[in-house]
Every structure is written in structure tokens, then in C-alpha cells.
Protein backbone atom coordinates (compact mmCIF):
# COMPACT_ATOMS: atom_id res chain seq x y z
CA ALA A 1 104.88 120.23 66.99
CA VAL A 2 107.50 117.97 68.49
CA VAL A 3 107.55 114.48 67.01
CA SER A 4 108.19 111.62 69.42
CA THR A 5 110.86 109.54 67.73
CA GLN A 6 112.45 107.19 70.26
CA SER A 7 111.17 103.70 71.01
CA THR A 8 113.48 103.11 73.99
CA GLY A 9 115.14 105.14 76.72
CA VAL A 10 117.58 103.93 79.38
CA CYS A 11 118.03 105.46 82.82
CA PHE A 12 120.98 103.82 84.60
CA HIS A 13 121.81 105.57 87.88
CA SER A 14 121.12 108.93 86.25
CA LEU A 15 118.03 110.33 88.00
CA CYS A 16 120.15 110.77 91.12
CA SER A 17 122.30 113.27 89.22
CA SER A 18 119.41 115.29 87.83
CA SER A 19 118.73 118.66 89.43
CA ASN A 20 115.04 118.31 88.45
CA VAL A 21 113.91 114.68 88.29
CA SER A 22 110.33 115.54 87.31
CA MET A 23 111.50 117.53 84.30
CA ALA A 24 113.93 114.76 83.29
CA LEU A 25 111.09 112.22 83.33
CA LEU A 26 108.82 114.57 81.36
CA GLU A 27 111.55 114.96 78.74
CA ILE A 28 111.85 111.18 78.46
CA LEU A 29 108.08 110.95 78.00
CA ARG A 30 108.23 113.69 75.38
CA VAL A 31 110.76 111.92 73.15
CA LEU A 32 109.28 108.41 73.49
CA LYS A 33 106.96 107.14 70.79
CA PRO A 34 103.54 105.96 71.98
CA GLY A 35 104.18 102.52 73.47
CA GLY A 36 107.90 103.31 73.86
CA LYS A 37 109.67 102.07 76.99
CA MET A 38 112.04 103.59 79.49
CA TYR A 39 114.19 100.96 81.22
CA PHE A 40 115.72 102.01 84.52
CA ILE A 41 117.77 101.01 87.53
CA GLU A 42 118.25 103.57 90.28
CA HIS A 43 119.45 103.54 93.86
CA VAL A 44 116.74 104.73 96.20
CA MET A 45 116.26 105.79 99.80
CA THR A 46 116.67 102.96 102.28
CA LYS A 47 113.72 101.86 104.41
CA ARG A 48 115.97 101.08 107.37
CA LYS A 49 115.36 103.63 110.09
CA TYR A 50 118.92 104.43 111.13
CA SER A 51 120.38 104.14 107.66
CA LYS A 52 118.17 107.03 106.55
CA TYR A 53 120.23 109.27 108.82
CA TRP A 54 123.38 108.07 107.05
CA VAL A 55 121.78 108.91 103.70
CA VAL A 56 121.01 112.46 104.78
CA GLN A 57 124.62 112.90 105.87
CA MET A 58 126.10 111.07 102.87
CA ASN A 59 124.05 112.94 100.27
CA TYR A 60 126.29 115.96 100.80
CA ALA A 61 129.46 113.88 100.33
CA LEU A 62 127.97 112.10 97.30
CA GLN A 63 127.16 115.42 95.66
CA LEU A 64 130.77 116.50 96.04
CA SER A 65 132.43 113.29 94.94
CA ALA A 66 130.00 111.38 92.70
CA TRP A 67 128.88 113.75 89.93
CA ASP A 68 126.26 115.49 92.06
CA CYS A 69 124.60 112.20 93.02
CA HIS A 70 121.86 112.35 95.63
CA ILE A 71 119.63 109.51 96.76
CA GLY A 72 115.92 110.19 96.72
CA ASP A 73 112.48 108.66 96.37
CA PHE A 74 112.69 107.97 92.65
CA ARG A 75 110.03 105.27 92.75
CA SER A 76 107.25 107.72 93.59
CA GLN A 77 108.58 110.23 91.06
CA ILE A 78 108.47 107.63 88.28
CA GLU A 79 104.96 106.60 89.41
CA ARG A 80 103.76 110.23 89.21
CA ALA A 81 105.42 110.99 85.86
CA GLY A 82 102.45 109.93 83.73
CA PHE A 83 103.56 106.67 82.14
CA SER A 84 100.69 104.42 81.00
CA LYS A 85 102.19 101.24 82.47
CA LEU A 86 104.85 100.57 85.10
CA ASN A 87 106.79 97.48 86.07
CA ILE A 88 108.92 98.28 89.13
CA SER A 89 110.82 95.78 91.27
CA GLU A 90 113.03 96.27 94.31
CA LEU A 91 116.51 94.86 94.85
CA GLU A 92 118.95 94.90 97.76
CA LEU A 93 122.50 94.76 96.46
CA SER A 94 125.05 92.58 98.20
CA PHE A 95 128.76 92.07 97.81
CA ARG A 96 129.65 88.45 97.05
CA GLY A 97 126.50 87.28 98.79
CA ALA A 98 127.09 89.33 101.97
CA ARG A 99 124.75 92.19 102.83
CA MET A 100 126.28 95.62 102.83
CA PHE A 101 126.86 97.09 106.27
CA GLY A 102 127.35 100.40 108.05
CA PRO A 103 126.87 103.52 105.98
CA MET A 104 127.03 101.45 102.78
CA TRP A 105 123.49 100.19 103.53
CA CYS A 106 122.21 103.41 102.08
CA LEU A 107 123.62 102.50 98.65
CA SER A 108 122.16 98.98 98.69
CA PRO A 109 118.44 99.51 97.89
CA HIS A 110 117.63 99.79 94.19
CA ILE A 111 114.58 99.82 91.97
CA TYR A 112 114.57 98.51 88.43
CA GLY A 113 112.08 97.88 85.68
CA TYR A 114 110.43 99.66 82.81
CA ALA A 115 107.79 102.29 82.17
CA VAL A 116 105.65 102.53 79.03
CA LYS A 117 104.52 105.80 77.45
């Protein structure tokens, strides 16, 4: 039997580089002790209509240049992973107080928080 030994896990812009996000989250759950927490911050798919088209086009370029990064719906994947408690917040990144523009909008939306085993 595998013994869960970790009280904390950190996911910092790493789900986007996983080839199988569901399996990565299951592995985190496996190694966490009961009551253990996974803290995370991930960029997610934009909700802006036209920026979504940029994301689809940029995902290919991101995979080539940014360690196989691809932007997805990580919020719903974390929600479905089987954690007992979730605390998820949304954040729009800005640069020196100015909103990001053009194709960079797709890198602006983030989620952050923690999930408890």
C-alpha cells in the first residue's frame, strides 16, 4: 500500500505543461496526507470571445517555445479531481496597472487558491 506522506503540494504554472492533467492531479492527491493542501496558480482560458481565438492559435506557439505550455480549463479539472475542499479565486494580470492587450490577453486570466485532500 502506498503511504501518503506529503502535507503540502505546490502547482505554479505547471498543469499547463502536463500531457495528462487529470493524472497529474490524481498523483498529487495520492501523495498528500489526509487534510494536506495543494496550493496553485495557473493561467486559464480567457472568457473574452475574440481572445479565445488567439489562444487556440497561440497554444501551438506556446508548446514550441514555452516548455510545452498549453492553456486550458484547469479550474474545472481541479474541481473534478476529487479534493474534499476547494478555494479558487480568479485574477486578471496587468502590467504596471495597465490591462494586457492584443494577443497577450490570453495570458492574463489566472486562477489561484488551494485544494484540500
